[in-house]
Every structure is written in C-alpha cells, then in structure tokens.
Protein backbone atom coordinates (compact mmCIF):
# COMPACT_ATOMS: atom_id res chain seq x y z
CA MET A 1 77.34 77.34 -22.89
CA THR A 2 79.88 74.60 -22.84
CA GLU A 3 80.91 75.57 -19.34
CA LEU A 4 77.26 75.51 -18.19
CA ARG A 5 76.76 72.06 -19.67
CA LYS A 6 79.87 70.80 -17.94
CA THR A 7 78.74 72.29 -14.65
CA VAL A 8 75.25 70.70 -14.97
CA THR A 9 76.82 67.38 -15.87
CA LYS A 10 79.18 67.58 -12.95
CA TYR A 11 76.47 68.34 -10.41
CA LYS A 12 73.74 66.31 -12.12
CA SER A 13 73.35 63.88 -9.26
CA ILE A 14 73.21 66.65 -6.65
CA LEU A 15 70.63 68.62 -8.65
CA LEU A 16 68.48 65.52 -9.10
CA LEU A 17 68.56 64.83 -5.37
CA VAL A 18 67.59 68.41 -4.59
CA LEU A 19 64.73 68.24 -7.13
CA LEU A 20 63.37 65.09 -5.56
CA ILE A 21 63.53 66.66 -2.09
CA VAL A 22 61.65 69.74 -3.31
CA ILE A 23 58.97 67.62 -4.98
CA SER A 24 58.57 65.53 -1.81
CA LEU A 25 58.21 68.62 0.38
CA PHE A 26 55.75 70.06 -2.09
CA LEU A 27 53.58 66.97 -2.00
CA MET A 28 53.79 66.75 1.80
CA GLY A 29 52.77 70.34 2.13
CA TYR A 30 49.63 69.75 0.13
CA SER A 31 48.63 66.45 1.80
CA SER A 32 46.82 68.17 4.70
CA ASP A 33 43.00 68.47 4.88
CA LYS A 34 43.37 72.24 4.44
CA TYR A 35 44.07 71.97 0.72
CA ASN A 36 42.51 70.08 -2.11
CA PHE A 37 45.21 68.88 -4.46
CA LEU A 38 44.12 67.32 -7.78
CA PRO A 39 46.39 64.24 -7.62
CA LYS A 40 45.02 63.46 -4.18
CA LYS A 41 41.49 63.82 -5.54
CA ILE A 42 42.26 61.49 -8.41
CA GLY A 43 43.87 59.01 -6.05
CA ASN A 44 40.95 59.12 -3.66
CA SER A 45 38.46 58.71 -6.53
CA ILE A 46 40.30 55.72 -7.92
CA PHE A 47 40.55 54.16 -4.46
CA SER A 48 36.82 54.81 -3.82
CA VAL A 49 35.80 53.16 -7.07
CA PHE A 50 38.01 50.19 -6.24
CA GLN A 51 36.57 50.02 -2.70
CA ILE A 52 32.96 50.18 -4.02
CA ALA A 53 33.70 47.44 -6.53
CA VAL A 54 35.24 45.22 -3.87
CA ASP A 55 32.37 45.91 -1.49
CA SER A 56 29.76 45.18 -4.20
CA THR A 57 31.50 41.96 -5.18
CA SER A 58 31.69 40.92 -1.56
CA ASN A 59 27.98 41.61 -1.05
CA PHE A 60 27.09 39.71 -4.26
CA VAL A 61 29.08 36.66 -3.21
CA THR A 62 27.61 36.81 0.31
CA ASP A 63 24.06 37.05 -1.08
CA LYS A 64 24.68 34.09 -3.39
CA VAL A 65 26.09 31.97 -0.58
CA ASP A 66 23.10 32.89 1.60
CA SER A 67 20.71 32.05 -1.26
CA VAL A 68 22.30 28.63 -1.78
CA GLY A 69 22.05 27.94 1.94
CA GLU A 70 18.42 29.06 2.00
CA LEU A 71 17.64 26.88 -1.04
CA LYS A 72 19.18 23.83 0.66
CA LYS A 73 17.13 24.59 3.77
CA LEU A 74 13.91 24.89 1.73
CA ARG A 75 14.65 21.62 -0.08
CA SER A 76 15.24 19.89 3.24
CA GLU A 77 11.99 21.27 4.68
CA HIS A 78 10.15 20.28 1.47
CA GLY A 79 11.45 16.71 1.79
CA ILE A 80 10.38 16.54 5.44
CA LEU A 81 6.88 17.79 4.55
CA LEU A 82 6.55 15.21 1.75
CA GLU A 83 7.57 12.44 4.17
CA LYS A 84 4.96 13.64 6.67
CA ILE A 85 2.26 13.74 3.97
CA LEU A 86 3.17 10.19 2.91
CA GLU A 87 3.13 9.06 6.54
CA TYR A 88 -0.33 10.58 7.06
CA GLN A 89 -1.61 8.93 3.86
CA ILE A 90 -0.31 5.54 5.03
CA ARG A 91 -1.86 6.06 8.47
CA ASP A 92 -5.18 7.04 6.89
CA ARG A 93 -5.13 3.96 4.63
CA ASP A 94 -4.19 1.70 7.55
CA TYR A 95 -6.98 3.22 9.64
CA ILE A 96 -9.53 2.51 6.91
CA GLU A 97 -8.27 -1.07 6.48
CA VAL A 98 -8.32 -1.71 10.24
CA LYS A 99 -11.81 -0.22 10.49
CA GLN A 100 -13.10 -2.44 7.69
CA GLU A 101 -11.36 -5.46 9.18
CA ASN A 102 -12.97 -4.75 12.56
CA ILE A 103 -16.38 -4.63 10.89
CA ARG A 104 -15.78 -8.00 9.22
CA LEU A 105 -14.49 -9.56 12.44
CA LYS A 106 -17.42 -8.14 14.41
CA LYS A 107 -19.84 -9.76 11.98
CA GLN A 108 -18.04 -13.07 12.43
CA LEU A 109 -18.05 -12.63 16.21
CA ASP A 110 -21.77 -11.86 16.23
CA PHE A 111 -22.43 -15.01 14.24
CA LYS A 112 -20.09 -17.02 16.46
CA ILE A 113 -21.89 -15.92 19.62
CA SER A 114 -25.33 -16.72 18.23
CA SER A 115 -24.32 -20.03 16.67
CA GLU A 116 -24.87 -23.47 18.21
CA TYR A 117 -21.38 -24.51 17.09
CA ILE A 118 -17.88 -23.80 18.37
CA PHE A 119 -15.57 -22.10 15.86
CA LYS A 120 -11.95 -21.13 15.42
CA SER A 121 -11.41 -17.94 13.47
CA ALA A 122 -8.64 -18.11 10.89
CA GLU A 123 -7.09 -15.89 8.26
CA ILE A 124 -6.38 -17.04 4.72
CA ILE A 125 -2.63 -16.72 4.14
CA ALA A 126 -2.20 -18.45 0.76
CA GLN A 127 -4.02 -19.94 -2.19
CA GLU A 128 -2.48 -22.32 -4.67
CA PRO A 129 -2.09 -20.86 -8.18
CA GLY A 130 -4.37 -22.03 -10.96
CA ASN A 131 -8.02 -22.97 -11.03
CA ILE A 132 -7.76 -26.75 -10.92
CA PHE A 133 -7.39 -28.50 -7.54
CA LYS A 134 -6.91 -25.19 -5.81
CA THR A 135 -6.63 -25.38 -2.03
CA ILE A 136 -6.72 -22.59 0.56
CA VAL A 137 -4.17 -22.25 3.38
CA ILE A 138 -5.13 -20.75 6.75
CA ASN A 139 -3.06 -19.67 9.76
CA ARG A 140 -4.51 -22.25 12.18
CA GLY A 141 -3.29 -25.79 12.74
CA THR A 142 -3.15 -28.71 15.15
CA ALA A 143 -1.82 -26.38 17.85
CA ASP A 144 -5.25 -24.68 17.72
CA GLY A 145 -7.19 -27.94 17.76
CA ILE A 146 -7.77 -28.09 14.00
CA LYS A 147 -8.25 -31.59 12.56
CA ASN A 148 -8.92 -33.14 9.16
CA ASN A 149 -12.51 -33.16 7.83
CA MET A 150 -13.59 -30.23 9.99
CA PRO A 151 -16.09 -28.05 8.05
CA VAL A 152 -15.06 -24.50 7.17
CA ILE A 153 -17.48 -21.63 6.66
CA ALA A 154 -17.30 -17.88 6.17
CA TYR A 155 -19.68 -15.08 7.09
CA GLN A 156 -20.38 -12.98 4.02
CA TYR A 157 -23.32 -10.87 2.83
CA GLY A 158 -25.33 -11.96 5.88
CA TYR A 159 -24.94 -15.70 5.29
CA GLN A 160 -22.80 -18.32 6.96
CA GLY A 161 -21.72 -19.82 3.65
CA LEU A 162 -19.94 -23.15 3.28
CA VAL A 163 -16.30 -22.82 2.17
CA GLY A 164 -15.09 -26.43 2.32
CA LYS A 165 -13.37 -28.83 4.68
CA ILE A 166 -9.92 -29.32 6.23
CA ILE A 167 -7.88 -31.93 4.35
CA GLU A 168 -4.35 -31.37 5.68
CA THR A 169 -2.92 -29.96 8.92
CA SER A 170 0.37 -28.91 10.44
CA PRO A 171 1.07 -27.36 13.85
CA LEU A 172 0.53 -23.80 12.60
CA THR A 173 -1.36 -24.05 9.31
CA SER A 174 -4.10 -26.05 7.61
CA ARG A 175 -5.23 -26.67 4.06
CA ILE A 176 -8.87 -26.39 2.95
CA LEU A 177 -10.50 -28.25 0.06
CA PRO A 178 -13.06 -25.72 -1.27
CA ILE A 179 -16.55 -26.70 -2.38
CA PHE A 180 -15.80 -25.79 -6.02
CA ASP A 181 -13.18 -28.56 -6.26
CA ASN A 182 -14.26 -31.43 -8.51
CA THR A 183 -13.47 -33.97 -5.79
CA SER A 184 -15.77 -32.23 -3.29
CA TYR A 185 -19.25 -33.76 -2.78
CA ILE A 186 -21.87 -32.27 -0.46
CA ALA A 187 -25.27 -33.64 0.52
CA ALA A 188 -27.62 -30.72 -0.08
CA ARG A 189 -31.25 -29.73 0.22
CA LEU A 190 -33.41 -26.96 -1.23
CA LEU A 191 -34.32 -24.71 1.68
CA GLU A 192 -37.99 -24.12 0.73
CA THR A 193 -39.10 -27.23 -1.13
CA ARG A 194 -36.83 -29.64 0.82
CA TYR A 195 -35.84 -31.61 -2.28
CA GLU A 196 -32.42 -33.18 -1.92
CA GLY A 197 -29.43 -33.79 -4.15
CA LEU A 198 -25.64 -34.01 -4.30
CA ILE A 199 -23.44 -31.00 -5.07
CA ASN A 200 -19.95 -31.00 -6.53
CA GLY A 201 -17.71 -28.48 -8.31
CA SER A 202 -15.87 -28.29 -11.61
CA GLY A 203 -12.51 -27.34 -10.15
CA ASN A 204 -12.84 -23.68 -11.19
CA LYS A 205 -13.95 -21.14 -8.60
CA ASN A 206 -15.52 -19.01 -11.33
CA ASP A 207 -17.84 -21.81 -12.49
CA LEU A 208 -21.21 -22.67 -11.02
CA LEU A 209 -21.62 -25.73 -8.81
CA LEU A 210 -23.77 -28.63 -10.03
CA MET A 211 -26.52 -30.25 -7.96
CA ASN A 212 -27.39 -33.71 -9.27
CA TYR A 213 -30.01 -36.37 -8.43
CA VAL A 214 -32.84 -33.88 -7.84
CA THR A 215 -36.10 -35.60 -8.78
CA LYS A 216 -37.93 -34.26 -11.83
CA ASN A 217 -41.05 -33.95 -9.69
CA ALA A 218 -39.46 -30.79 -8.23
CA LEU A 219 -39.29 -29.01 -11.60
CA LYS A 220 -42.54 -27.05 -11.25
CA SER A 221 -41.74 -25.82 -7.74
CA LEU A 222 -38.18 -24.61 -8.39
CA ARG A 223 -37.37 -20.93 -8.93
CA ASP A 224 -34.25 -19.02 -9.88
CA GLY A 225 -32.60 -17.73 -6.68
CA ASP A 226 -33.89 -20.50 -4.41
CA LEU A 227 -31.44 -21.19 -1.59
CA VAL A 228 -29.61 -24.49 -1.20
CA VAL A 229 -28.26 -25.64 2.19
CA THR A 230 -26.45 -28.64 3.58
CA SER A 231 -28.77 -31.51 4.43
CA GLY A 232 -26.58 -33.08 7.11
CA MET A 233 -27.46 -36.55 5.79
CA GLN A 234 -24.53 -38.97 6.29
CA SER A 235 -22.10 -36.07 5.93
CA ILE A 236 -19.36 -34.33 7.87
CA TYR A 237 -21.18 -31.06 7.22
CA PRO A 238 -23.88 -30.08 9.74
CA ARG A 239 -27.30 -29.34 8.33
CA GLY A 240 -28.50 -25.85 7.49
CA LEU A 241 -25.27 -24.28 6.22
CA TYR A 242 -25.85 -22.12 3.14
CA ILE A 243 -24.23 -23.35 -0.07
CA GLY A 244 -25.70 -21.21 -2.83
CA ARG A 245 -28.64 -20.21 -5.02
CA ILE A 246 -30.21 -21.77 -8.10
CA ARG A 247 -29.01 -20.03 -11.29
CA GLY A 248 -30.11 -22.57 -13.86
CA ILE A 249 -32.10 -25.79 -14.29
CA ASP A 250 -31.39 -28.57 -16.80
CA SER A 251 -33.81 -31.43 -17.40
CA PRO A 252 -32.19 -33.86 -19.84
CA GLU A 253 -34.64 -36.30 -21.44
CA TRP A 254 -32.18 -39.18 -21.02
CA LYS A 255 -31.91 -38.63 -17.25
CA THR A 256 -34.43 -39.35 -14.56
CA SER A 257 -33.26 -36.39 -12.45
CA LEU A 258 -32.63 -32.67 -12.77
CA ILE A 259 -29.28 -30.90 -12.86
CA LEU A 260 -29.34 -27.60 -10.96
CA LYS A 261 -26.68 -24.94 -11.48
CA ILE A 262 -25.79 -23.37 -8.14
CA GLU A 263 -24.05 -20.05 -7.51
CA PRO A 264 -22.14 -20.15 -4.17
CA VAL A 265 -23.20 -17.58 -1.58
CA ILE A 266 -19.50 -17.07 -0.81
CA ASP A 267 -17.48 -14.94 -3.22
CA PHE A 268 -14.18 -16.85 -3.16
CA SER A 269 -12.32 -13.99 -4.85
CA ARG A 270 -13.01 -11.71 -1.84
CA ILE A 271 -12.79 -14.10 1.08
CA GLU A 272 -10.17 -13.22 3.73
CA TYR A 273 -11.29 -14.87 6.98
CA VAL A 274 -12.97 -18.19 7.70
CA LEU A 275 -14.42 -20.06 10.66
CA VAL A 276 -13.45 -23.68 11.29
CA LEU A 277 -16.19 -25.69 12.98
CA THR A 278 -14.50 -27.58 15.81
CA GLY A 279 -17.54 -28.87 17.68
CA GLU A 280 -21.00 -28.19 19.07
CA LYS A 281 -21.80 -26.11 22.15
C-alpha cells in the first residue's frame, strides 16, 4: 500500500495530465450534433435565456427611445397647429375690424360726396386724460391744409354731428376743442321751431350740453327729442350741422329765458374718425 502511494505520488503530475487529456477527448467526442450531452444542453439553455433577456432589453430600450422621439414629434406638431389656430383667429379678427372700418369709411365717403363742403378725413390718434379741458388729437396737420378754427364733424348714426373746432396745428397732427368743453360756445337753432340760443359744455363729455338764451315763448312748442343744429349766425360753424337733441327743459322764474339740456348726437366715447371742414365746393 505504501509502495502504491509512493508510485501515485511520483507519477501524480503525469496521471493528472493524462486525466485531463481523456476528459478533453471525451467532451470533444460528444460535442457533435449526433449526440445530446446534458452539459451542452444546460449551456445552451443558459445562453438562450441570456440571449432572450438581452434581446428583450434591447427591444424595450429601442421602443422607449422611439416613443420619446414620437412624443417630441407630436408636441412639435401640436405647437405648430396651435400657432396656426392663433394665426387664423387673428386674421379673422382683423378681417372683421377691416370690414367694419370699411363700412364706417364708406358712410363718411357717401356723406362727403353728397355734401356741399370740402372735407379732410382724419383718424383720432390720442385724447388727453381726464374729463376737464379734454382735447382730441388727429393725424392731419398743416401739411394736409388743416388750419385753426376749422370746424370738425363726424358721421355717426346717420347724422353729420358737430365734434368741435381745430385750435392747434402742427405739420402732421392737429388738436380739436370738442363741443363739450366749457370754453366752447356755439350759436344754435332748434330745427323745427327755429328758436335760437347759445350752446356750451361743462367740460365733461358724459354731461349734457346747455343751451341758454332761448326765449320763454318757445316753452309750449318744445318737445323732448327735438333736434338742435348750428345756426351759422356770426360763427365759424356753417349752418345746419347737427349738435344734439333736447333731453330736458328748465324755466327758472328769475330768468327771462329757458335753459335746454342737449344730448349730443355724437357719442364721443365711440368716435374714431372725423371730417375737418376745409372749405365749400
């Protein structure tokens, strides 16, 4: 037994080498497709599972990347569609505004053609803040032939209503003193009864105008809503321009004349364009 152990110990390295060679040949012999060896099966199964896992992970990552790209594309398209919708809304609003503006300008043009006076159309570009001593600025000036004291009217609700007069000019702009200013005085006449008086404002565009010096003899013939026009008597304003309608009558006992409250035919809160009277045809 001792001899056998010595012999094994002596040739241990050689025996180990031979054993490894045998095992290698054994494995090589069973690596062909003719045989099904269990270790090969196990190896193939493990490799297949690993391959499936890698393939699934790869597909998942690819799908996610594609989804992110598609989401970015959809967001971009959504943004473009919103911009187009906004653009169409702006165009539609601009179209409506231009259409309404054309209607207003056509009305002014129709009046201008049929009128015996020569006019310059102008757009209101500014109004001074506050109600007292408010003036109106238009985009016409001396370069367009505008001069001080020229009457200004507007065409609104079917009437060529009096707006005021030019009090200051520059080459490109002019300033209008409106009829509701408390320094504005207008010789006026009742359209139907022909009684005359003098109109001035309070300085506030929301207040009624006052027509003074109307004889008390006119009291019985006056009605609410009667029209008042310019008389043209010793005035820069030509006769026949509409000023307003009667909305109240005061007959103080201590005065020899009536005080008529007049509502302007022009709504100064909605006025956009005016006509400056520059002469007669």
